[in-house]
């Protein structure tokens, strides 16, 4: 009788300690899973916020949070997005119709070519500075025509174009019978160096 009682008691102790081990392991897995989620950006993190000067640090943001930030980006102003971890710096301006203008005026690497891109609200390229199929492009800064200062033929217009941008209210880009209009708030950000790869 004692022998059976001892075996029953020992098996109960083993089962209970096994339960504790399973419980410890599973709670450790939960904590590890939460850490992994936060490292890869699956945890609950906020979208990067744009400060009063129009600058946002996107270094630790996930792709999903960057998309969320782009959707909620204010219109009519320049926003400088810096990502020190990846070494990517962009300058963008969202129009009221959802189009996005990316300017590459001052390249971080001086040997790279300046340019611009206009994308629709779905991220599809509409107009690119150095695309031969784009056709003729005209920049109107407060309705003064600068042609396409990003075109190598018109390179001498670039200094006057940059100067006009400092105080301009609107930038209009005319291409293929379409007019794209962007407000020029936070124009001081146009001096910031950006990544110029297309």
N, C-alpha and C. Protein backbone atom coordinates (compact mmCIF):
# COMPACT_ATOMS: atom_id res chain seq x y z
N UNK A 1 0.83 -1.20 0.00
CA UNK A 1 0.00 0.00 0.00
C UNK A 1 0.87 1.25 0.00
N UNK A 2 1.88 1.28 0.85
CA UNK A 2 2.79 2.40 0.91
C UNK A 2 3.51 2.60 -0.42
N UNK A 3 3.88 1.50 -1.03
CA UNK A 3 4.60 1.54 -2.29
C UNK A 3 3.74 2.21 -3.37
N UNK A 4 2.47 1.81 -3.48
CA UNK A 4 1.55 2.39 -4.46
C UNK A 4 1.32 3.88 -4.17
N UNK A 5 1.22 4.23 -2.90
CA UNK A 5 1.01 5.61 -2.52
C UNK A 5 2.21 6.47 -2.90
N UNK A 6 3.41 5.91 -2.68
CA UNK A 6 4.63 6.63 -3.06
C UNK A 6 4.70 6.87 -4.56
N UNK A 7 4.35 5.85 -5.36
CA UNK A 7 4.38 5.99 -6.82
C UNK A 7 3.36 7.04 -7.25
N UNK A 8 2.16 6.99 -6.67
CA UNK A 8 1.12 7.96 -7.01
C UNK A 8 1.58 9.38 -6.64
N UNK A 9 2.17 9.52 -5.46
CA UNK A 9 2.66 10.81 -5.01
C UNK A 9 3.77 11.32 -5.92
N UNK A 10 4.72 10.47 -6.31
CA UNK A 10 5.84 10.84 -7.18
C UNK A 10 5.32 11.25 -8.57
N UNK A 11 4.37 10.50 -9.11
CA UNK A 11 3.85 10.83 -10.43
C UNK A 11 3.09 12.17 -10.40
N UNK A 12 2.39 12.45 -9.30
CA UNK A 12 1.69 13.72 -9.16
C UNK A 12 2.69 14.88 -9.13
N UNK A 13 3.79 14.70 -8.37
CA UNK A 13 4.83 15.74 -8.29
C UNK A 13 5.46 15.96 -9.67
N UNK A 14 5.75 14.88 -10.40
CA UNK A 14 6.34 15.01 -11.73
C UNK A 14 5.41 15.73 -12.69
N UNK A 15 4.14 15.37 -12.63
CA UNK A 15 3.16 16.00 -13.52
C UNK A 15 3.07 17.49 -13.21
N UNK A 16 3.00 17.84 -11.92
CA UNK A 16 2.89 19.25 -11.55
C UNK A 16 4.14 20.03 -11.93
N UNK A 17 5.32 19.44 -11.71
CA UNK A 17 6.53 20.19 -12.10
C UNK A 17 6.62 20.30 -13.61
N UNK A 18 6.11 19.31 -14.32
CA UNK A 18 6.05 19.39 -15.77
C UNK A 18 5.12 20.51 -16.21
N UNK A 19 4.02 20.69 -15.49
CA UNK A 19 3.08 21.77 -15.81
C UNK A 19 3.76 23.12 -15.64
N UNK A 20 4.52 23.24 -14.53
CA UNK A 20 5.21 24.51 -14.30
C UNK A 20 6.23 24.78 -15.40
N UNK A 21 6.94 23.72 -15.83
CA UNK A 21 7.94 23.90 -16.88
C UNK A 21 7.28 24.33 -18.17
N UNK A 22 6.16 23.70 -18.52
CA UNK A 22 5.44 24.07 -19.73
C UNK A 22 4.95 25.50 -19.62
N UNK A 23 4.44 25.84 -18.42
CA UNK A 23 3.94 27.20 -18.24
C UNK A 23 5.08 28.21 -18.38
N UNK A 24 6.24 27.92 -17.78
CA UNK A 24 7.39 28.83 -17.87
C UNK A 24 7.84 28.96 -19.32
N UNK A 25 7.92 27.84 -20.02
CA UNK A 25 8.36 27.87 -21.42
C UNK A 25 7.39 28.66 -22.27
N UNK A 26 6.07 28.41 -22.09
CA UNK A 26 5.10 29.10 -22.94
C UNK A 26 5.08 30.60 -22.66
N UNK A 27 5.22 31.01 -21.40
CA UNK A 27 5.23 32.45 -21.13
C UNK A 27 6.51 33.06 -21.68
N UNK A 28 7.62 32.33 -21.66
CA UNK A 28 8.88 32.81 -22.25
C UNK A 28 8.75 32.96 -23.75
N UNK A 29 8.03 32.02 -24.38
CA UNK A 29 7.81 32.08 -25.82
C UNK A 29 6.97 33.31 -26.16
N UNK A 30 5.96 33.57 -25.35
CA UNK A 30 5.12 34.74 -25.59
C UNK A 30 5.95 36.01 -25.52
N UNK A 31 6.81 36.11 -24.49
CA UNK A 31 7.64 37.30 -24.36
C UNK A 31 8.60 37.42 -25.54
N UNK A 32 9.20 36.30 -25.96
CA UNK A 32 10.12 36.31 -27.08
C UNK A 32 9.39 36.69 -28.36
N UNK A 33 8.18 36.15 -28.54
CA UNK A 33 7.39 36.47 -29.73
C UNK A 33 7.09 37.96 -29.78
N UNK A 34 6.74 38.55 -28.62
CA UNK A 34 6.48 40.00 -28.58
C UNK A 34 7.72 40.79 -28.96
N UNK A 35 8.89 40.34 -28.47
CA UNK A 35 10.14 41.04 -28.81
C UNK A 35 10.42 40.96 -30.31
N UNK A 36 10.22 39.77 -30.89
CA UNK A 36 10.46 39.59 -32.32
C UNK A 36 9.49 40.46 -33.11
N UNK A 37 8.22 40.47 -32.69
CA UNK A 37 7.23 41.30 -33.39
C UNK A 37 7.63 42.77 -33.37
N UNK A 38 8.09 43.24 -32.21
CA UNK A 38 8.47 44.65 -32.15
C UNK A 38 9.72 44.92 -32.97
N UNK A 39 10.64 43.96 -33.04
CA UNK A 39 11.85 44.16 -33.84
C UNK A 39 11.55 44.21 -35.32
N UNK A 40 10.64 43.38 -35.79
CA UNK A 40 10.32 43.38 -37.22
C UNK A 40 9.15 44.31 -37.54
N UNK A 41 8.65 44.99 -36.51
CA UNK A 41 7.64 46.01 -36.77
C UNK A 41 6.22 45.50 -36.77
N UNK A 42 5.98 44.33 -36.15
CA UNK A 42 4.62 43.81 -36.12
C UNK A 42 3.89 44.22 -34.84
N UNK A 43 4.62 44.77 -33.88
CA UNK A 43 4.01 45.22 -32.65
C UNK A 43 3.23 46.50 -32.89
N UNK A 44 2.63 46.98 -31.85
CA UNK A 44 1.83 48.20 -31.97
C UNK A 44 2.75 49.43 -31.88
N UNK A 45 3.23 49.89 -33.01
CA UNK A 45 4.02 51.12 -33.03
C UNK A 45 3.26 52.16 -33.84
N UNK A 46 3.49 53.42 -33.49
CA UNK A 46 2.79 54.50 -34.19
C UNK A 46 3.50 54.81 -35.50
N UNK A 47 2.75 55.39 -36.41
CA UNK A 47 3.35 55.88 -37.66
C UNK A 47 4.26 57.04 -37.31
N UNK A 48 5.36 57.22 -38.07
CA UNK A 48 6.25 58.34 -37.79
C UNK A 48 5.50 59.66 -37.89
N UNK A 49 5.85 60.58 -36.99
CA UNK A 49 5.15 61.86 -36.98
C UNK A 49 6.01 62.97 -37.58
N UNK A 50 5.36 63.88 -38.27
CA UNK A 50 6.02 65.02 -38.90
C UNK A 50 6.09 66.15 -37.88
N UNK A 51 7.29 66.69 -37.66
CA UNK A 51 7.41 67.77 -36.68
C UNK A 51 6.98 69.12 -37.27
N UNK A 52 7.06 70.16 -36.45
CA UNK A 52 6.59 71.49 -36.86
C UNK A 52 7.34 72.03 -38.08
N UNK A 53 8.60 71.60 -38.25
CA UNK A 53 9.41 72.06 -39.39
C UNK A 53 9.17 71.24 -40.65
N UNK A 54 8.34 70.20 -40.57
CA UNK A 54 8.07 69.37 -41.74
C UNK A 54 9.06 68.25 -41.92
N UNK A 55 9.76 67.86 -40.84
CA UNK A 55 10.76 66.79 -40.91
C UNK A 55 10.22 65.57 -40.16
N UNK A 56 10.49 64.39 -40.72
CA UNK A 56 10.06 63.15 -40.06
C UNK A 56 11.21 62.15 -40.09
N UNK A 57 11.43 61.48 -38.97
CA UNK A 57 12.46 60.45 -38.88
C UNK A 57 11.78 59.10 -39.11
N UNK A 58 12.12 58.46 -40.21
CA UNK A 58 11.48 57.19 -40.57
C UNK A 58 12.40 56.01 -40.35
N UNK A 59 13.48 56.20 -39.61
CA UNK A 59 14.50 55.16 -39.44
C UNK A 59 13.94 53.86 -38.89
N UNK A 60 13.05 53.94 -37.90
CA UNK A 60 12.58 52.73 -37.24
C UNK A 60 11.18 52.33 -37.66
N UNK A 61 10.65 52.97 -38.68
CA UNK A 61 9.28 52.69 -39.12
C UNK A 61 9.22 51.49 -40.05
N UNK A 62 8.14 50.75 -39.94
CA UNK A 62 7.91 49.63 -40.86
C UNK A 62 7.33 50.18 -42.16
N UNK A 63 7.33 49.37 -43.19
CA UNK A 63 6.77 49.76 -44.47
C UNK A 63 5.29 50.14 -44.31
N UNK A 64 4.59 49.36 -43.51
CA UNK A 64 3.16 49.61 -43.28
C UNK A 64 2.96 50.99 -42.62
N UNK A 65 3.80 51.31 -41.65
CA UNK A 65 3.68 52.60 -40.96
C UNK A 65 4.07 53.75 -41.87
N UNK A 66 5.04 53.54 -42.77
CA UNK A 66 5.40 54.58 -43.74
C UNK A 66 4.25 54.84 -44.70
N UNK A 67 3.57 53.77 -45.13
CA UNK A 67 2.42 53.93 -46.01
C UNK A 67 1.30 54.69 -45.29
N UNK A 68 1.11 54.37 -44.01
CA UNK A 68 0.10 55.04 -43.21
C UNK A 68 0.45 56.53 -43.09
N UNK A 69 1.75 56.82 -42.86
CA UNK A 69 2.18 58.21 -42.77
C UNK A 69 1.93 58.94 -44.08
N UNK A 70 2.24 58.29 -45.21
CA UNK A 70 2.04 58.91 -46.52
C UNK A 70 0.57 59.21 -46.77
N UNK A 71 -0.31 58.29 -46.39
CA UNK A 71 -1.76 58.51 -46.56
C UNK A 71 -2.23 59.71 -45.74
N UNK A 72 -1.67 59.86 -44.54
CA UNK A 72 -2.11 60.92 -43.64
C UNK A 72 -1.26 62.18 -43.72
N UNK A 73 -0.34 62.22 -44.69
CA UNK A 73 0.56 63.36 -44.82
C UNK A 73 -0.22 64.62 -45.14
N UNK A 74 0.17 65.73 -44.53
CA UNK A 74 -0.51 66.99 -44.85
C UNK A 74 -0.27 67.38 -46.30
N UNK A 75 -1.24 68.05 -46.91
CA UNK A 75 -1.09 68.49 -48.29
C UNK A 75 -0.56 69.92 -48.31
N UNK A 76 0.03 70.29 -49.44
CA UNK A 76 0.43 71.67 -49.65
C UNK A 76 1.69 72.10 -48.96
N UNK A 77 2.53 71.14 -48.57
CA UNK A 77 3.78 71.51 -47.92
C UNK A 77 4.85 70.46 -48.20
N UNK A 78 6.10 70.90 -48.11
CA UNK A 78 7.21 69.97 -48.25
C UNK A 78 7.40 69.22 -46.95
N UNK A 79 7.73 67.93 -47.08
CA UNK A 79 8.05 67.08 -45.94
C UNK A 79 9.38 66.41 -46.24
N UNK A 80 10.30 66.51 -45.30
CA UNK A 80 11.63 65.90 -45.43
C UNK A 80 11.63 64.62 -44.62
N UNK A 81 11.79 63.47 -45.28
CA UNK A 81 11.77 62.17 -44.62
C UNK A 81 13.21 61.67 -44.55
N UNK A 82 13.70 61.49 -43.33
CA UNK A 82 15.07 61.01 -43.17
C UNK A 82 15.06 59.60 -42.58
N UNK A 83 15.87 58.75 -43.17
CA UNK A 83 16.03 57.38 -42.70
C UNK A 83 17.53 57.12 -42.57
N UNK A 84 18.07 57.46 -41.40
CA UNK A 84 19.51 57.33 -41.16
C UNK A 84 19.98 55.88 -41.24
N UNK A 85 19.12 54.94 -40.83
CA UNK A 85 19.53 53.53 -40.84
C UNK A 85 19.81 53.03 -42.25
N UNK A 86 19.01 53.45 -43.20
CA UNK A 86 19.19 53.00 -44.58
C UNK A 86 19.89 54.04 -45.44
N UNK A 87 20.15 55.22 -44.89
CA UNK A 87 20.82 56.28 -45.65
C UNK A 87 19.97 56.82 -46.79
N UNK A 88 18.65 56.91 -46.56
CA UNK A 88 17.73 57.40 -47.59
C UNK A 88 17.06 58.67 -47.07
N UNK A 89 17.12 59.72 -47.88
CA UNK A 89 16.55 61.01 -47.51
C UNK A 89 15.72 61.52 -48.68
N UNK A 90 14.44 61.80 -48.44
CA UNK A 90 13.57 62.26 -49.52
C UNK A 90 12.86 63.55 -49.14
N UNK A 91 12.48 64.28 -50.16
CA UNK A 91 11.74 65.51 -50.01
C UNK A 91 10.48 65.36 -50.85
N UNK A 92 9.33 65.43 -50.20
CA UNK A 92 8.08 65.16 -50.91
C UNK A 92 7.00 66.17 -50.56
N UNK A 93 6.08 66.33 -51.51
CA UNK A 93 5.00 67.30 -51.37
C UNK A 93 3.73 66.67 -51.93
N UNK A 94 2.70 66.60 -51.11
CA UNK A 94 1.45 65.97 -51.51
C UNK A 94 0.44 67.03 -51.92
N UNK A 95 -0.13 66.85 -53.12
CA UNK A 95 -1.15 67.80 -53.60
C UNK A 95 -2.52 67.42 -53.04
N UNK A 96 -3.48 68.31 -53.19
CA UNK A 96 -4.82 68.05 -52.66
C UNK A 96 -5.50 66.87 -53.36
N UNK A 97 -5.07 66.56 -54.61
CA UNK A 97 -5.67 65.40 -55.31
C UNK A 97 -4.91 64.10 -55.04
N UNK A 98 -3.94 64.12 -54.12
CA UNK A 98 -3.25 62.90 -53.72
C UNK A 98 -1.97 62.60 -54.48
N UNK A 99 -1.65 63.39 -55.52
CA UNK A 99 -0.38 63.18 -56.23
C UNK A 99 0.78 63.60 -55.33
N UNK A 100 1.92 62.95 -55.51
CA UNK A 100 3.10 63.23 -54.70
C UNK A 100 4.24 63.68 -55.61
N UNK A 101 4.84 64.82 -55.25
CA UNK A 101 6.00 65.34 -55.97
C UNK A 101 7.23 65.08 -55.13
N UNK A 102 8.19 64.36 -55.70
CA UNK A 102 9.48 64.10 -55.05
C UNK A 102 10.52 64.97 -55.75
N UNK A 103 11.16 65.85 -55.00
CA UNK A 103 12.19 66.73 -55.54
C UNK A 103 13.56 66.24 -55.11
N UNK A 104 14.49 66.25 -56.06
CA UNK A 104 15.90 65.94 -55.75
C UNK A 104 16.72 67.13 -56.26
N UNK A 105 16.69 68.22 -55.50
CA UNK A 105 17.39 69.44 -55.90
C UNK A 105 18.85 69.43 -55.47
N UNK A 106 19.10 69.08 -54.21
CA UNK A 106 20.44 69.08 -53.64
C UNK A 106 20.81 67.66 -53.24
N UNK A 107 21.65 67.03 -54.06
CA UNK A 107 22.00 65.62 -53.85
C UNK A 107 23.04 65.48 -52.74
N UNK A 108 22.85 64.49 -51.88
CA UNK A 108 23.84 64.18 -50.84
C UNK A 108 25.17 63.82 -51.48
N UNK A 109 25.10 63.09 -52.58
CA UNK A 109 26.32 62.75 -53.34
C UNK A 109 26.32 63.67 -54.55
N UNK A 110 27.21 64.68 -54.56
CA UNK A 110 27.18 65.71 -55.60
C UNK A 110 27.30 65.19 -57.03
N UNK A 111 27.91 64.01 -57.21
CA UNK A 111 28.06 63.49 -58.57
C UNK A 111 26.76 62.94 -59.13
N UNK A 112 25.74 62.73 -58.26
CA UNK A 112 24.46 62.22 -58.74
C UNK A 112 23.63 63.35 -59.35
N UNK A 113 22.71 62.95 -60.23
CA UNK A 113 21.93 63.92 -60.99
C UNK A 113 20.66 64.31 -60.24
N UNK A 114 20.40 65.62 -60.21
CA UNK A 114 19.16 66.08 -59.58
C UNK A 114 17.98 65.69 -60.47
N UNK A 115 16.79 65.74 -59.92
CA UNK A 115 15.61 65.36 -60.70
C UNK A 115 14.34 65.49 -59.88
N UNK A 116 13.28 64.93 -60.40
CA UNK A 116 11.99 64.92 -59.72
C UNK A 116 11.16 63.77 -60.26
N UNK A 117 10.15 63.41 -59.48
CA UNK A 117 9.18 62.40 -59.90
C UNK A 117 7.82 62.82 -59.37
N UNK A 118 6.79 62.64 -60.18
CA UNK A 118 5.42 62.81 -59.71
C UNK A 118 4.78 61.42 -59.75
N UNK A 119 4.19 61.05 -58.61
CA UNK A 119 3.47 59.77 -58.53
C UNK A 119 2.02 60.03 -58.18
N UNK A 120 1.15 59.13 -58.65
CA UNK A 120 -0.26 59.25 -58.27
C UNK A 120 -0.45 58.70 -56.86
N UNK A 121 -1.66 58.73 -56.37
CA UNK A 121 -1.91 58.31 -54.98
C UNK A 121 -1.65 56.82 -54.75
N UNK A 122 -1.55 56.05 -55.83
CA UNK A 122 -1.25 54.62 -55.70
C UNK A 122 0.25 54.33 -55.84
N UNK A 123 1.05 55.39 -55.99
CA UNK A 123 2.50 55.20 -56.09
C UNK A 123 3.00 54.93 -57.50
N UNK A 124 2.13 55.11 -58.51
CA UNK A 124 2.53 54.89 -59.90
C UNK A 124 3.17 56.17 -60.45
N UNK A 125 4.33 56.02 -61.11
CA UNK A 125 5.01 57.17 -61.69
C UNK A 125 4.18 57.78 -62.81
N UNK A 126 3.98 59.09 -62.74
CA UNK A 126 3.25 59.82 -63.78
C UNK A 126 4.22 60.60 -64.66
N UNK A 127 5.18 61.29 -64.02
CA UNK A 127 6.16 62.11 -64.74
C UNK A 127 7.50 61.93 -64.04
N UNK A 128 8.56 61.74 -64.85
CA UNK A 128 9.92 61.63 -64.30
C UNK A 128 10.83 62.57 -65.06
N UNK A 129 11.77 63.14 -64.34
CA UNK A 129 12.66 64.16 -64.92
C UNK A 129 13.46 63.67 -66.12
N UNK A 130 14.00 62.48 -66.05
CA UNK A 130 14.94 62.03 -67.08
C UNK A 130 14.42 60.85 -67.89
N UNK A 131 13.12 60.78 -68.05
CA UNK A 131 12.51 59.72 -68.85
C UNK A 131 12.25 60.27 -70.25
N UNK A 132 12.92 59.69 -71.28
CA UNK A 132 12.76 60.21 -72.64
C UNK A 132 11.32 60.11 -73.17
N UNK A 133 10.51 59.23 -72.59
CA UNK A 133 9.13 59.07 -73.05
C UNK A 133 8.16 60.04 -72.38
N UNK A 134 8.66 60.84 -71.44
CA UNK A 134 7.81 61.77 -70.71
C UNK A 134 7.30 62.90 -71.59
N UNK A 135 8.10 63.31 -72.54
CA UNK A 135 7.70 64.44 -73.38
C UNK A 135 8.13 65.75 -72.75
N UNK A 136 7.67 66.85 -73.31
CA UNK A 136 8.08 68.16 -72.83
C UNK A 136 7.46 68.46 -71.46
N UNK A 137 8.30 69.03 -70.58
CA UNK A 137 7.88 69.38 -69.23
C UNK A 137 8.13 70.87 -69.03
N UNK A 138 7.16 71.53 -68.41
CA UNK A 138 7.34 72.95 -68.08
C UNK A 138 7.02 73.16 -66.60
N UNK A 139 7.94 73.82 -65.90
CA UNK A 139 7.73 74.19 -64.51
C UNK A 139 7.28 75.64 -64.46
N UNK A 140 6.17 75.89 -63.77
CA UNK A 140 5.67 77.24 -63.57
C UNK A 140 5.75 77.53 -62.07
N UNK A 141 6.65 78.43 -61.70
CA UNK A 141 6.81 78.81 -60.30
C UNK A 141 6.12 80.16 -60.13
N UNK A 142 5.02 80.15 -59.39
CA UNK A 142 4.15 81.33 -59.31
C UNK A 142 3.85 81.87 -60.71
N UNK A 143 3.54 80.95 -61.59
CA UNK A 143 3.16 81.19 -62.99
C UNK A 143 4.27 81.73 -63.89
N UNK A 144 5.51 81.75 -63.41
CA UNK A 144 6.63 82.10 -64.28
C UNK A 144 7.23 80.81 -64.81
N UNK A 145 7.38 80.73 -66.15
CA UNK A 145 7.81 79.50 -66.81
C UNK A 145 9.34 79.36 -66.77
N UNK A 146 9.79 78.21 -66.23
CA UNK A 146 11.22 77.89 -66.18
C UNK A 146 11.56 76.72 -67.09
N UNK A 147 10.64 76.34 -67.97
CA UNK A 147 10.90 75.17 -68.82
C UNK A 147 11.11 73.95 -67.93
N UNK A 148 12.07 73.12 -68.28
CA UNK A 148 12.43 71.99 -67.42
C UNK A 148 13.87 72.19 -66.95
N UNK A 149 14.06 72.82 -65.79
CA UNK A 149 15.41 73.10 -65.32
C UNK A 149 16.22 71.84 -64.99
N UNK A 150 15.54 70.69 -64.91
CA UNK A 150 16.25 69.43 -64.64
C UNK A 150 16.85 68.83 -65.92
N UNK A 151 16.40 69.33 -67.07
CA UNK A 151 16.93 68.88 -68.35
C UNK A 151 18.33 69.47 -68.52
N UNK A 152 19.28 68.64 -68.94
CA UNK A 152 20.67 69.09 -69.08
C UNK A 152 20.81 70.27 -70.03
N UNK A 153 19.93 70.34 -71.02
CA UNK A 153 19.96 71.46 -71.97
C UNK A 153 19.65 72.78 -71.27
N UNK A 154 18.79 72.72 -70.25
CA UNK A 154 18.38 73.93 -69.52
C UNK A 154 19.09 74.08 -68.18
N UNK A 155 20.22 73.43 -67.99
CA UNK A 155 20.91 73.42 -66.70
C UNK A 155 21.20 74.82 -66.18
N UNK A 156 21.42 75.76 -67.07
CA UNK A 156 21.73 77.13 -66.63
C UNK A 156 20.53 77.81 -65.96
N UNK A 157 19.31 77.25 -66.13
CA UNK A 157 18.12 77.81 -65.49
C UNK A 157 17.98 77.36 -64.03
N UNK A 158 18.74 76.33 -63.64
CA UNK A 158 18.58 75.76 -62.31
C UNK A 158 18.82 76.77 -61.18
N UNK A 159 19.89 77.57 -61.19
CA UNK A 159 20.08 78.52 -60.08
C UNK A 159 18.90 79.50 -59.93
N UNK A 160 18.40 80.04 -61.02
CA UNK A 160 17.26 80.97 -60.96
C UNK A 160 16.00 80.24 -60.47
N UNK A 161 15.83 78.98 -60.90
CA UNK A 161 14.70 78.15 -60.48
C UNK A 161 14.75 77.94 -58.97
N UNK A 162 15.92 77.55 -58.44
CA UNK A 162 16.08 77.33 -56.99
C UNK A 162 15.80 78.61 -56.22
N UNK A 163 16.27 79.72 -56.73
CA UNK A 163 16.05 81.01 -56.06
C UNK A 163 14.56 81.35 -56.02
N UNK A 164 13.86 81.12 -57.11
CA UNK A 164 12.42 81.41 -57.17
C UNK A 164 11.63 80.53 -56.21
N UNK A 165 12.08 79.29 -56.02
CA UNK A 165 11.39 78.36 -55.13
C UNK A 165 11.40 78.81 -53.67
N UNK A 166 12.39 79.60 -53.30
CA UNK A 166 12.52 80.02 -51.89
C UNK A 166 11.33 80.83 -51.41
N UNK A 167 10.72 81.60 -52.30
CA UNK A 167 9.61 82.47 -51.90
C UNK A 167 8.30 82.16 -52.62
N UNK A 168 8.30 81.17 -53.48
CA UNK A 168 7.11 80.87 -54.29
C UNK A 168 5.96 80.33 -53.44
N UNK A 169 4.76 80.58 -53.92
CA UNK A 169 3.55 80.05 -53.28
C UNK A 169 3.13 78.72 -53.91
N UNK A 170 3.24 78.64 -55.25
CA UNK A 170 2.82 77.41 -55.93
C UNK A 170 3.85 76.97 -56.97
N UNK A 171 3.86 75.65 -57.18
CA UNK A 171 4.67 75.04 -58.23
C UNK A 171 3.70 74.27 -59.11
N UNK A 172 3.70 74.59 -60.39
CA UNK A 172 2.85 73.87 -61.34
C UNK A 172 3.76 73.19 -62.35
N UNK A 173 3.40 71.96 -62.70
CA UNK A 173 4.18 71.21 -63.68
C UNK A 173 3.22 70.80 -64.79
N UNK A 174 3.55 71.22 -66.01
CA UNK A 174 2.71 70.94 -67.17
C UNK A 174 3.40 69.88 -68.03
N UNK A 175 2.65 68.80 -68.33
CA UNK A 175 3.18 67.72 -69.14
C UNK A 175 2.02 66.98 -69.81
N UNK A 176 2.13 66.78 -71.12
CA UNK A 176 1.12 66.01 -71.87
C UNK A 176 -0.31 66.47 -71.58
N UNK A 177 -0.54 67.75 -71.69
CA UNK A 177 -1.86 68.36 -71.50
C UNK A 177 -2.40 68.22 -70.08
N UNK A 178 -1.54 67.88 -69.13
CA UNK A 178 -1.98 67.77 -67.73
C UNK A 178 -1.20 68.77 -66.90
N UNK A 179 -1.90 69.36 -65.94
CA UNK A 179 -1.28 70.33 -65.04
C UNK A 179 -1.33 69.78 -63.62
N UNK A 180 -0.17 69.67 -63.01
CA UNK A 180 -0.05 69.19 -61.63
C UNK A 180 0.31 70.40 -60.76
N UNK A 181 -0.45 70.63 -59.70
CA UNK A 181 -0.24 71.81 -58.87
C UNK A 181 0.10 71.41 -57.44
N UNK A 182 1.16 72.04 -56.91
CA UNK A 182 1.62 71.77 -55.54
C UNK A 182 1.86 73.11 -54.83
N UNK A 183 1.39 73.19 -53.59
CA UNK A 183 1.66 74.38 -52.76
C UNK A 183 3.09 74.26 -52.24
N UNK A 184 3.71 75.38 -51.94
CA UNK A 184 5.15 75.40 -51.63
C UNK A 184 5.45 75.78 -50.18
N UNK A 185 4.61 75.38 -49.22
CA UNK A 185 4.88 75.68 -47.82
C UNK A 185 6.10 74.89 -47.34
N UNK A 186 6.80 75.40 -46.36
CA UNK A 186 8.05 74.84 -45.84
C UNK A 186 9.12 74.76 -46.92
N UNK A 187 9.20 75.82 -47.73
CA UNK A 187 10.17 75.86 -48.84
C UNK A 187 11.61 75.82 -48.34
N UNK A 188 11.84 76.15 -47.07
CA UNK A 188 13.20 76.08 -46.52
C UNK A 188 13.78 74.67 -46.56
N UNK A 189 12.89 73.66 -46.61
CA UNK A 189 13.35 72.27 -46.67
C UNK A 189 13.99 71.93 -48.01
N UNK A 190 13.74 72.75 -49.03
CA UNK A 190 14.31 72.49 -50.35
C UNK A 190 15.84 72.56 -50.34
N UNK A 191 16.42 73.17 -49.32
CA UNK A 191 17.88 73.24 -49.22
C UNK A 191 18.49 71.97 -48.64
N UNK A 192 17.67 71.11 -48.06
CA UNK A 192 18.21 69.91 -47.42
C UNK A 192 18.68 68.91 -48.47
N UNK A 193 19.81 68.24 -48.22
CA UNK A 193 20.32 67.25 -49.18
C UNK A 193 19.50 65.97 -49.15
N UNK A 194 19.28 65.41 -50.32
CA UNK A 194 18.47 64.19 -50.44
C UNK A 194 19.23 63.11 -51.21
N UNK A 195 18.67 61.91 -51.17
CA UNK A 195 19.20 60.80 -51.95
C UNK A 195 18.73 60.98 -53.38
N UNK A 196 19.64 60.95 -54.34
CA UNK A 196 19.28 61.30 -55.72
C UNK A 196 19.21 60.10 -56.67
N UNK A 197 19.21 58.88 -56.17
CA UNK A 197 19.04 57.74 -57.08
C UNK A 197 17.60 57.74 -57.56
N UNK A 198 17.39 57.41 -58.84
CA UNK A 198 16.01 57.31 -59.35
C UNK A 198 15.54 55.88 -59.23
